[in-house]
N, C-alpha and C. Protein backbone atom coordinates (compact mmCIF):
# COMPACT_ATOMS: atom_id res chain seq x y z
N MET A 1 -57.26 8.57 26.38
CA MET A 1 -55.81 9.63 26.02
C MET A 1 -57.13 10.04 24.36
N SER A 2 -57.05 11.07 23.72
CA SER A 2 -57.47 10.93 22.60
C SER A 2 -56.11 11.16 21.26
N SER A 3 -57.18 10.64 19.89
CA SER A 3 -56.73 10.15 18.92
C SER A 3 -55.97 11.15 17.94
N ILE A 4 -54.64 11.00 17.34
CA ILE A 4 -53.85 12.83 16.38
C ILE A 4 -55.54 12.75 15.35
N ASN A 5 -56.20 11.43 14.95
CA ASN A 5 -57.54 12.57 14.20
C ASN A 5 -58.12 13.75 15.29
N GLU A 6 -58.64 13.18 16.67
CA GLU A 6 -59.90 14.06 17.41
C GLU A 6 -58.37 14.93 17.45
N LYS A 7 -57.49 15.12 17.51
CA LYS A 7 -56.54 16.55 18.04
C LYS A 7 -56.78 17.40 16.85
N LEU A 8 -56.62 17.10 15.72
CA LEU A 8 -56.59 17.39 15.14
C LEU A 8 -58.31 17.94 14.17
N ILE A 9 -58.94 17.46 14.48
CA ILE A 9 -60.48 17.94 14.56
C ILE A 9 -60.84 18.97 15.50
N PHE A 10 -60.48 18.69 17.03
CA PHE A 10 -60.36 19.86 17.60
C PHE A 10 -59.99 21.49 17.45
N ILE A 11 -59.11 21.14 16.96
CA ILE A 11 -58.50 22.31 16.18
C ILE A 11 -58.24 22.80 15.58
N LEU A 12 -59.21 21.76 14.34
CA LEU A 12 -60.07 22.50 13.12
C LEU A 12 -61.80 23.81 13.88
N GLU A 13 -62.27 23.12 15.03
CA GLU A 13 -63.15 23.47 15.64
C GLU A 13 -61.99 24.87 15.97
N LYS A 14 -61.43 24.58 16.83
CA LYS A 14 -61.28 26.21 17.84
C LYS A 14 -60.93 27.30 16.68
N ILE A 15 -60.22 26.49 15.09
CA ILE A 15 -60.41 27.77 13.96
C ILE A 15 -61.67 28.57 13.64
N ASP A 16 -62.71 27.12 13.97
CA ASP A 16 -64.25 27.52 12.65
C ASP A 16 -64.87 28.64 14.26
N ASP A 17 -64.17 28.18 15.69
CA ASP A 17 -65.21 28.73 16.47
C ASP A 17 -64.56 30.69 16.47
N LEU A 18 -62.95 30.56 16.13
CA LEU A 18 -62.83 31.85 15.96
C LEU A 18 -63.37 32.49 14.40
N VAL A 19 -63.62 31.80 13.89
CA VAL A 19 -64.27 32.69 11.95
C VAL A 19 -65.48 32.57 13.05
N LEU A 20 -66.17 32.38 13.52
CA LEU A 20 -67.49 32.87 14.11
C LEU A 20 -67.46 33.79 14.86
N TYR A 21 -66.28 34.22 16.20
CA TYR A 21 -66.30 35.30 16.24
C TYR A 21 -65.72 36.95 15.76
N LYS A 22 -65.01 36.07 14.22
CA LYS A 22 -64.75 36.61 13.58
C LYS A 22 -65.85 38.09 13.61
N GLU A 23 -66.99 37.11 12.50
CA GLU A 23 -68.48 37.25 11.37
C GLU A 23 -68.99 37.88 12.34
N SER A 24 -69.08 37.44 13.71
CA SER A 24 -69.97 38.51 14.15
C SER A 24 -69.91 40.50 14.49
N PHE A 25 -68.59 41.08 13.93
CA PHE A 25 -68.29 42.00 14.16
C PHE A 25 -67.85 42.52 12.48
N LEU A 26 -67.72 43.96 11.82
CA LEU A 26 -67.49 44.10 10.92
C LEU A 26 -65.83 43.85 10.72
N ASN A 27 -64.92 44.19 11.92
CA ASN A 27 -63.89 44.44 10.98
C ASN A 27 -62.87 43.42 12.52
N ALA A 28 -61.75 43.59 12.59
CA ALA A 28 -61.70 42.62 13.05
C ALA A 28 -60.89 43.50 14.61
N HIS A 29 -61.30 44.90 14.32
CA HIS A 29 -60.12 45.83 15.58
C HIS A 29 -62.14 45.82 16.55
N ASP A 30 -63.37 46.34 15.54
CA ASP A 30 -63.92 45.48 16.63
C ASP A 30 -64.40 44.43 17.92
N MET A 31 -63.90 44.16 17.06
CA MET A 31 -63.62 42.04 17.26
C MET A 31 -63.43 41.82 18.64
N LEU A 32 -61.86 42.43 18.62
CA LEU A 32 -60.39 43.13 19.51
C LEU A 32 -61.39 43.23 20.90
N ASN A 33 -61.90 44.29 20.69
CA ASN A 33 -62.24 45.35 22.18
C ASN A 33 -63.53 45.15 22.61
N ASN A 34 -64.24 44.53 21.98
CA ASN A 34 -65.45 43.54 22.66
C ASN A 34 -64.39 42.36 23.90
N LYS A 35 -64.67 42.79 24.97
CA LYS A 35 -64.65 41.83 25.71
C LYS A 35 -64.25 40.13 25.78
N MET A 36 -65.40 39.97 25.68
CA MET A 36 -66.22 38.46 25.27
C MET A 36 -65.65 37.99 24.19
N ALA A 37 -65.57 38.70 23.27
CA ALA A 37 -64.55 37.94 22.05
C ALA A 37 -63.65 38.40 21.91
N PHE A 38 -62.85 38.98 22.75
CA PHE A 38 -61.23 38.84 22.66
C PHE A 38 -61.35 37.63 23.84
N ASP A 39 -61.72 37.73 24.73
CA ASP A 39 -61.73 36.81 25.37
C ASP A 39 -61.29 35.38 24.70
N ALA A 40 -62.81 35.54 24.58
CA ALA A 40 -62.84 33.20 24.07
C ALA A 40 -61.95 32.79 22.49
N SER A 41 -61.59 34.40 21.37
CA SER A 41 -60.54 34.13 20.44
C SER A 41 -58.71 34.01 21.84
N LEU A 42 -58.66 34.92 22.79
CA LEU A 42 -57.52 34.13 22.82
C LEU A 42 -57.66 32.70 23.60
N MET A 43 -58.92 32.32 24.41
CA MET A 43 -58.66 30.98 24.96
C MET A 43 -58.93 29.86 23.32
N CYS A 44 -59.05 30.15 22.63
CA CYS A 44 -59.34 29.43 20.91
C CYS A 44 -57.63 28.73 20.98
N LEU A 45 -56.50 30.37 21.31
CA LEU A 45 -55.79 30.45 20.62
C LEU A 45 -54.68 29.39 21.19
N LEU A 46 -54.72 29.54 22.80
CA LEU A 46 -54.56 29.19 23.99
C LEU A 46 -54.30 27.19 23.55
N GLN A 47 -55.78 26.83 23.15
CA GLN A 47 -55.97 25.40 23.73
C GLN A 47 -55.38 25.31 21.59
N ILE A 48 -55.43 25.83 20.75
CA ILE A 48 -54.61 25.64 19.86
C ILE A 48 -53.78 24.72 20.21
N GLY A 49 -52.46 25.72 20.49
CA GLY A 49 -51.39 26.12 19.94
C GLY A 49 -50.44 24.56 21.85
N GLU A 50 -51.95 24.47 22.64
CA GLU A 50 -52.19 23.18 23.46
C GLU A 50 -52.02 22.24 23.28
N THR A 51 -52.85 22.27 22.05
CA THR A 51 -53.73 20.70 21.30
C THR A 51 -51.80 21.23 19.73
N LEU A 52 -51.53 22.12 19.24
CA LEU A 52 -50.56 21.55 18.90
C LEU A 52 -48.77 20.77 19.56
N ASN A 53 -48.83 21.04 20.54
CA ASN A 53 -47.84 21.24 21.64
C ASN A 53 -47.99 19.44 21.69
N LYS A 54 -48.69 18.70 22.10
CA LYS A 54 -49.01 17.38 22.08
C LYS A 54 -48.51 16.75 20.49
N LEU A 55 -48.90 17.20 19.96
CA LEU A 55 -48.70 16.15 18.40
C LEU A 55 -47.49 16.40 18.67
N ARG A 56 -46.27 16.97 18.89
CA ARG A 56 -45.61 17.43 18.60
C ARG A 56 -44.06 16.39 18.09
N ASP A 57 -44.90 15.01 18.39
CA ASP A 57 -44.04 14.01 18.71
C ASP A 57 -44.97 12.63 17.35
N SER A 58 -45.69 13.54 17.11
CA SER A 58 -46.60 12.93 16.70
C SER A 58 -45.78 12.28 14.57
N ALA A 59 -46.58 11.43 13.60
CA ALA A 59 -45.71 11.56 12.62
C ALA A 59 -46.16 11.92 11.37
N TYR A 60 -46.81 12.94 12.34
CA TYR A 60 -47.08 14.57 11.64
C TYR A 60 -46.98 16.09 11.53
N ARG A 61 -45.58 15.84 12.36
CA ARG A 61 -45.19 16.70 13.36
C ARG A 61 -44.55 17.51 11.88
N GLU A 62 -44.42 17.29 11.17
CA GLU A 62 -43.68 17.77 9.58
C GLU A 62 -44.57 18.12 9.17
N LEU A 63 -45.28 17.84 8.93
CA LEU A 63 -47.26 18.03 8.14
C LEU A 63 -47.28 19.53 9.07
N LEU A 64 -47.33 19.70 10.55
CA LEU A 64 -47.87 20.37 10.92
C LEU A 64 -48.35 22.01 10.95
N PRO A 65 -48.51 22.97 11.21
CA PRO A 65 -47.50 24.45 11.79
C PRO A 65 -47.70 24.43 13.25
N ILE A 66 -46.62 24.16 13.61
CA ILE A 66 -46.33 23.22 15.19
C ILE A 66 -45.09 24.51 15.68
N LYS A 67 -44.35 24.96 14.55
CA LYS A 67 -42.84 25.88 16.00
C LYS A 67 -43.53 27.08 15.66
N GLY A 68 -43.41 27.87 17.57
CA GLY A 68 -43.98 28.29 17.62
C GLY A 68 -45.23 28.92 18.50
N THR A 69 -45.53 27.72 17.58
CA THR A 69 -47.80 27.41 18.64
C THR A 69 -47.66 28.06 20.17
N TYR A 70 -46.57 27.06 20.56
CA TYR A 70 -47.17 26.95 22.02
C TYR A 70 -46.17 27.97 22.71
N ASP A 71 -44.88 28.65 21.18
CA ASP A 71 -44.32 30.08 22.43
C ASP A 71 -45.96 31.22 22.48
N VAL A 72 -47.01 31.27 21.29
CA VAL A 72 -47.90 31.94 21.55
C VAL A 72 -48.75 31.72 22.10
N ARG A 73 -49.00 30.11 22.80
CA ARG A 73 -49.94 29.27 23.74
C ARG A 73 -48.75 30.16 25.45
N ASN A 74 -47.69 30.24 25.51
CA ASN A 74 -47.19 31.00 26.41
C ASN A 74 -47.97 32.28 26.85
N PHE A 75 -46.98 32.98 25.61
CA PHE A 75 -47.01 33.85 25.88
C PHE A 75 -48.81 34.27 26.20
N ILE A 76 -49.80 34.01 26.47
CA ILE A 76 -51.45 33.88 26.00
C ILE A 76 -51.59 33.58 28.03
N ALA A 77 -50.99 32.45 27.88
CA ALA A 77 -51.52 32.25 29.26
C ALA A 77 -50.79 33.22 30.27
N HIS A 78 -49.29 32.77 30.07
CA HIS A 78 -48.39 34.03 31.41
C HIS A 78 -48.21 35.44 31.18
N ASP A 79 -47.96 36.50 30.47
CA ASP A 79 -48.24 37.41 29.57
C ASP A 79 -48.47 38.92 29.11
N LEU A 80 -49.88 37.96 29.35
CA LEU A 80 -51.29 38.74 28.63
C LEU A 80 -52.46 39.23 30.31
């Protein structure tokens, strides 16, 4: 099982991935109209939500922006 630090590093890596995808385009509109970038961005958001949910019961839960993130993950996974 991953430690809390490993989970936090994973989340930061997914955020870095999102920034990298965005930097490949002139603007967010162009990025979201590119199927591969759109799908990759959704996967990053899904993984961030899933990982934050795993940290819900950790000692850091008061410091993390967890509220609503799993709802976003569920919307991406089930409603898009």
